[in-house]
C-alpha atoms as a PDB file:
ATOM      1  CA  UNK A   1       0.000   0.000   0.000  1.00  0.00           C
ATOM      2  CA  UNK A   2       3.030   2.315   0.145  1.00  0.00           C
ATOM      3  CA  UNK A   3       2.680   2.982  -3.595  1.00  0.00           C
ATOM      4  CA  UNK A   4      -0.809   4.464  -3.212  1.00  0.00           C
ATOM      5  CA  UNK A   5      -0.663   8.279  -3.602  1.00  0.00           C
ATOM      6  CA  UNK A   6      -1.660  10.356  -0.596  1.00  0.00           C
ATOM      7  CA  UNK A   7      -3.893  13.362  -1.319  1.00  0.00           C
ATOM      8  CA  UNK A   8      -2.860  15.332   1.785  1.00  0.00           C
ATOM      9  CA  UNK A   9       0.677  16.726   1.249  1.00  0.00           C
ATOM     10  CA  UNK A  10       1.263  16.858   5.026  1.00  0.00           C
ATOM     11  CA  UNK A  11       1.010  13.045   5.137  1.00  0.00           C
ATOM     12  CA  UNK A  12       3.212  12.248   2.134  1.00  0.00           C
ATOM     13  CA  UNK A  13       6.420  10.340   2.626  1.00  0.00           C
ATOM     14  CA  UNK A  14       9.710  12.036   1.938  1.00  0.00           C
ATOM     15  CA  UNK A  15      12.483  10.387  -0.048  1.00  0.00           C
ATOM     16  CA  UNK A  16      14.395   9.375   3.118  1.00  0.00           C
ATOM     17  CA  UNK A  17      11.425   7.224   4.127  1.00  0.00           C
ATOM     18  CA  UNK A  18      11.619   5.190   0.921  1.00  0.00           C
ATOM     19  CA  UNK A  19      15.113   3.761   1.613  1.00  0.00           C
ATOM     20  CA  UNK A  20      16.266   3.456  -1.981  1.00  0.00           C
ATOM     21  CA  UNK A  21      18.913   0.813  -2.596  1.00  0.00           C
ATOM     22  CA  UNK A  22      20.802   0.172  -5.820  1.00  0.00           C
ATOM     23  CA  UNK A  23      19.504  -2.780  -7.796  1.00  0.00           C
ATOM     24  CA  UNK A  24      22.180  -5.490  -7.933  1.00  0.00           C
ATOM     25  CA  UNK A  25      23.503  -6.109 -11.435  1.00  0.00           C
ATOM     26  CA  UNK A  26      24.451  -9.608 -12.552  1.00  0.00           C
ATOM     27  CA  UNK A  27      27.121  -8.039 -14.789  1.00  0.00           C
ATOM     28  CA  UNK A  28      28.653  -5.051 -12.931  1.00  0.00           C
ATOM     29  CA  UNK A  29      29.534  -4.542  -9.264  1.00  0.00           C
ATOM     30  CA  UNK A  30      27.665  -1.906  -7.214  1.00  0.00           C
ATOM     31  CA  UNK A  31      30.505   0.656  -7.491  1.00  0.00           C
ATOM     32  CA  UNK A  32      30.806   0.300 -11.304  1.00  0.00           C
ATOM     33  CA  UNK A  33      31.082   3.583 -13.190  1.00  0.00           C
ATOM     34  CA  UNK A  34      30.225   3.406 -16.892  1.00  0.00           C
ATOM     35  CA  UNK A  35      32.835   4.865 -19.260  1.00  0.00           C
ATOM     36  CA  UNK A  36      31.847   8.120 -20.952  1.00  0.00           C
ATOM     37  CA  UNK A  37      30.136   7.910 -24.332  1.00  0.00           C
ATOM     38  CA  UNK A  38      32.200   9.013 -27.331  1.00  0.00           C
ATOM     39  CA  UNK A  39      30.492  10.847 -30.166  1.00  0.00           C
ATOM     40  CA  UNK A  40      31.702  11.733 -33.663  1.00  0.00           C
ATOM     41  CA  UNK A  41      30.320  14.798 -35.424  1.00  0.00           C
ATOM     42  CA  UNK A  42      29.222  13.686 -38.914  1.00  0.00           C
ATOM     43  CA  UNK A  43      27.653  17.013 -39.873  1.00  0.00           C
ATOM     44  CA  UNK A  44      27.417  20.380 -38.143  1.00  0.00           C
ATOM     45  CA  UNK A  45      25.225  19.840 -35.081  1.00  0.00           C
ATOM     46  CA  UNK A  46      24.722  16.104 -35.810  1.00  0.00           C
ATOM     47  CA  UNK A  47      26.676  13.652 -33.666  1.00  0.00           C
ATOM     48  CA  UNK A  48      26.724   9.851 -33.786  1.00  0.00           C
ATOM     49  CA  UNK A  49      27.646   7.539 -30.926  1.00  0.00           C
ATOM     50  CA  UNK A  50      30.828   5.589 -31.650  1.00  0.00           C
ATOM     51  CA  UNK A  51      30.538   1.878 -30.864  1.00  0.00           C
ATOM     52  CA  UNK A  52      33.363   1.027 -28.427  1.00  0.00           C
ATOM     53  CA  UNK A  53      33.674  -2.499 -29.889  1.00  0.00           C
ATOM     54  CA  UNK A  54      34.009  -1.647 -33.583  1.00  0.00           C
ATOM     55  CA  UNK A  55      35.263   1.969 -33.189  1.00  0.00           C
ATOM     56  CA  UNK A  56      33.254   3.073 -36.208  1.00  0.00           C
END
């Protein structure tokens, strides 16, 4: 029932009450930081994400 919205703002839960936890990943550890995305500009103002595997 905690997902039911409360109409009275004085009775709403604050974010500290929700106790968010990171969702465990089967691939990466909890402290994993994704590498930055690399983009190539193919036309003025138009960028394309470079695939890190094929580098194209």
